[in-house]
Amino acid sequence: MTTGKLLGFTEEAKDIFEGTHKTSTSLTRAPGPPSVGVRGSSSSFPYWPGGMDDPLTKLIKKESMDISLFEEDLLDTPPGFQSGMKFEKKVYDQVDYAHSQPRKINLSEVLAMDDSIDLEMFDDLEDKQEEICLEKVQLKKAENTEDEVFLKLATLPTLSISETVEKKPEVKYEWAVIDNVHEPVHDFEAKLPKMACKFPYKLDPFQQRAILHLENKENVFVAAHTSAGKTTVAEYAIHLCEKHKSRVIYTSPIKALSNQKFSDFRERFGEVGLITGDIQKNEKAFCLIMTTEILRSMLYHGSSVIPELEWVIFDEVHYLNDSERGVVWEEVFIMLPDHVNLIMLSATVSNPAELAEWVGDIKKRKIHVISTPKRPVPLVHHLYTGSVGQSQEDMFPIVNENGKFLERMYQKACDTKKERESKTKSTTGPKGPKHMVHPKQEKNIYIGLLRHLEKLDLLPAVCFTFSRKRCNLHAETLMCIDLTTQKEKGEIDMFFKHCISKLKDEDKKLPQVVKMGRQLQNGLGVHHSGILPILKEVVEKLFARSLVKVLFATETFAMGVNMPAKTVVFDSIRKHDGVEFRDLQPSEYIQMAGRAGRRGKDLTGTVIVLCKADVPEASALVKMMLGKPTKLESQFKLTYSMILNLLKMKTLRVEDVMKRSFAESGPQKKQKKFKELLCETNDKLAAITKLDCSLCNVDLREYIKRQEKAVKLKIEVMEDKVKQAITQKLFNPGRILVVSVKDKPGQNILCTLLSMDKDNNCKVLAIVERTTDNPKESNPTSSLESNKLFYPSERQPGILTVDFRDIRVIGNKALKLDSITILKECRIVHTLSHNPGRSTRDAYQELCYLCEANLSGFPSANIVLKDINSATKALELDEIEKSFENFTCTKCPEISKHYKELSSYIQLEEDRDYYNLKLSEESLALHPEYQARKQVLKTLGYIDKDETVQLKGSVAREMSNHELVITELLVKSVFTDCENDEVAALLSCMVFQQKCDDSNMKLPNHLEKKINEMRHVFMDIALEQAKQGIQDPEFVSQFNFYLVPVVLKWAKGTTFAEIMKDTDIDEGIIVRTIQRLSELLKDVRNGANLVGDTKLAKKMEDASQQIKRDIVFAASLYTEGREEAKDNRKP
């Protein structure tokens, strides 16, 4: 009843719907200043993620719930009056629909409806009712004239809800829609007569289906093999955005791939922008290319580009499986606003529908899954067992183009290998370890292979080698082979000189540059992370033109675009994954092997596995070549950056993001079921009559708790007893045991041991209840724990198999019996007949005699527990059992009944608590870690007790990586008295990722002192994390100072050639480290500005400029001006 009393209030933020970029998550908020830029600002709010109820929707739902109770809560008697008014219902609320005709939806009415509300609609209620009940008519095929079209609109059919038949769902997914790509789209041109763009080739069915979905603004997930044509789908979406005057973002997993896509798309679309850590080109373009990390940063920082987006294209989305970076994809999917459409492109994976279901669920939108296992160019897989000389052509196909494993050819390869090895051993003797070959042998294997491939016209080839060192070694040792013509040599020389023309003279003379030039002349190339970026791009462009005949590359090359070869060679099928050496996974092998076969040029792609020392096992080859691709799994993890970015706004919580991670998709799907079970459990609890017993109400609940503890301890103590060697001696045939089997709770069955296996499972002869054709309903057994033996009036001997954990008592007596004979007598049946054998009958009669004599409990053998923990458990059990006689409830004559009733009630309470836990945020897998990380942030002063972000937290949000460490170094003024070059050198430890021993470096005392200060900061954070339960054993060791001397010299102006003389680190690794360092210095500069240290900010800016020079920051061949790019395309 409404009394006018204030029942409560909630505080709603004034600007949750509108406001500025610092106060609102609305897409219609006022934009930030131009200085914020495309990347956004750490002080800006992100836009509201799609799929979540925004603050306005939550408020409307809450108000709707309150309004629904308004009519029922009206007062009808004014204060002081004895009677009041009766509120009659409106006439239109009393319409009798029960006798009216079946309701139908008039489609013409729906089409004519306006978004505005017509207040006069209630005046024509009767007319509306008649209109609703119009008879259904047939919709005839529309004519061509406009008059006829409008005439048809006037007689549109009505849909009778009552006549519709509910269809059963064809798929089990709610949000993922599986497209049938095997059926061609015959009416594609009719459905889409005017495409946004035309392609110079015929579209495959999967491309047609994807394009139709794009035209309908539907999300798609395309999973297909390399070179199948996934990029066509992306290009069509870009053309649509160009047509719609909207914007599109294309994301790739690595910077190099972004550069390549920028080059390709710039040629096709013209207006294309590129945003990476150190490059921002044409950022106002309608099509922007970037890494997924950049997009994540833009989302958290509320970039002004986001409201203008129509599509986001995710390339290589199977990178979600990456243990380090997979979380980035999950965060981006969660944070994208509702108006943005998604295109996901991936290599073949085993569970595309599962990923699509998750994305669709968190965005509350359908995802169309288009997965095609068909390769445009089928692969044929071979084993190469040959070498130079007569065995040069020993190449055996083991998987044909139809995916069939050829056992006969595999066996032939094995026989050929063994035959040659036997000849070699007979002439030269053993050659060392089985899995190793001599470098000269390896060289001969490659010479034989390449000559054979050249003869068969199977070049160019990519040789995947899982070691940078071995890539270099192979290219050097094979310089004796010349695979190019004189014309090709001239083209290579001209192109190479053009590409390095902008380098300084001393950089042109770098050993790696000179060596690469010579190797390219012979048609050999090397591609891995240790190669200078500009040289890698030279190799890529020459390989794309078939001027590099043999390329030795690590597996990162498999992610390149437009880099197909005729042949792929595997130097080995084993790799070190950072933890151990293992065989390649099917997805890894498929990704690399997919580079074989050029669409439109080759009928098949050739894949070769080198058998250097021995032939791999057939099972390993089948699993790798024909196995299912790796299943996509969540790599979601919490970071301080994520937490701080979300805590800056009160309307979007970290828990909301955690709930929507891929890892939580399964548990969250079960929420509905848990709600139903919770309601059922609450109903059962409400229906139970409260126990009304003056004795049991005192302490029966505690008594039950003690009984359950006693049962648990008995099992544990018995396990400890059985494990002791001295106890094992007691388990001889005839030993008296008391057991309690699971299907007969509360029954202490007396039995004698017949046999015991190695797993401590026992066969026993026991006194069991007699079974009849018409059994009487026996009294329900109580769960009340006691030592009383079970001795039924209707009984018979029986053979039971029991687990040693079911043993309650090891008796102090043993029977003399013939266990072998007894087991033979009961071999066929489980329970013995009325006329058992003599040995069984004698043993059974003795058992009955012992049971009658010890009904209150059978005495236990005196077994001393030697382990202190076991003895402690036994003492605790003894104390609990002694305490039972002190409970008031034991005096109740109906304690067994009350025990069972209250036990059932307690179980329901536990079920209710379990379901409540599963429905709460505490059930989230990462909830404990989130609480721990929040406590770390509070302790270190990044947030206050109310979880409001403080100044240190704002500084940490500016950092891309290692946010706590860098912030602590800033606020503790570690770099205040350092020079620019010293700051750059010290911070290199944050971005150098190679594991090296940095304990024996020779540095000035000043820098040594600073390194020790930094390590103290690392240790302080690590200790605080450990204190809160966050286990990160590599937290301190991840910061490596090995490159400090190198970066120090570079920042001082030393040439690259000079610094390479003092280090064993590859050139490409050094370049990548310094490039990442430049990005880090900018982040630290922004943080210094926030804390008001302008002098330090200037120092960071100057340090960034000092390292940004020469070959380290040479312009990418893919991002040069368009005219230069055109020149480069034709070397």
Foldseek 3Di string as FASTA:
>chain_A
DDDPDDPDDDDDDPDAAEEEQQFYQHLPYDYDDCVLDQLFALNGAFHFFFQDQGPVNVVVVVVVVVVVCVVVPDDAADPPDPGGDDDDDDPVVPDPPVPPDQFWADVLVVVPDDPDDDPCPVVCVVVVSVVRPDAFDDQDDQDDDPVSVVVSSVRHGIGGPVPDDDDDDPDPFDFEAEDDQVDADPCLCVLPVDALDDDPDDDRRLLSVLSSCVVVLAAEEEAAFPPPPLVSSVVSNCSVCVVVVFAEEEAEADPVQLLQVLLVVCVVPVQEWEDELVDTGNVVGRYYYYHLLSLLSSRLNHRNNQSRAAEYEYEALLCLQPLPCVQSVLSNLLRRHLNYGYYYYHYDADCPSLVQSLSCNSNVHHYYYRYDHDDLFFAWEWEQLAFPDPSLPVIFTQADSVGDGNPVSLVVSQVVNVVVVVVCCVVPNDQDDLQDHDPVLVLRRVVSPVVNCVVVVQWQEEEADQDLVVQVVNLVSPLVAADDDPVLLVQLLVLLCVLCVPFDPVVCPFPLNVVQNSSLSRLEEEADLLHFQSRNQSVQLCQLVRSRTYYYYHLVCLPHPSRAGQEYEYAAQWYQPPPGIDGHAQQSLSSRQSSHDDRPPDNHGYYYYYQRRHDDDPVSVCRNPVNGHHHRDHSHDDDLLVQLSQLQHDRGHPLSSLCSGSNNPVLVVCLVVLVVVLVVLVVVLVPDDDDDDPQCVPCVVVLLVLQVLLLVLLLVLLVLLCPDPVSVVLQDFFWWFFFADPVQAQAGWIWTFLDADPQRKTKTKTKDADDDPDDDDDDRHFNRDAQFHDDDPHIAIFIDTGHSSRTRAGAPDGDDADSVVQCVQCVPDGTDDPDGDPRSVVSVVVRVVQCVVARRHGDHHDGDRPDPVSVVSVVVSVVSVVCSVVRSLVPDPCSRVVSRSVVVSVVSVVSSVVSVCSNDSVPRPCVLVVVLVLVLCCVVVQADPVSHGDLLSSLLNLASPPSQLLSVCLVVVLCVPPALLQVLLQCLLVQQQDDDDQPDDDDPPSSVVSNVVSLVSQVVSVVSSVVSPNDDPCSSVRRHSNCSVLSSCQLVPDDPSVSVVVDPRRPSSVLSSLVVSLSRLQSSLVSCVSVPNNVSSVSSVSSSVSNCDGSSPPDHLSPDDPVSVVVSSRD
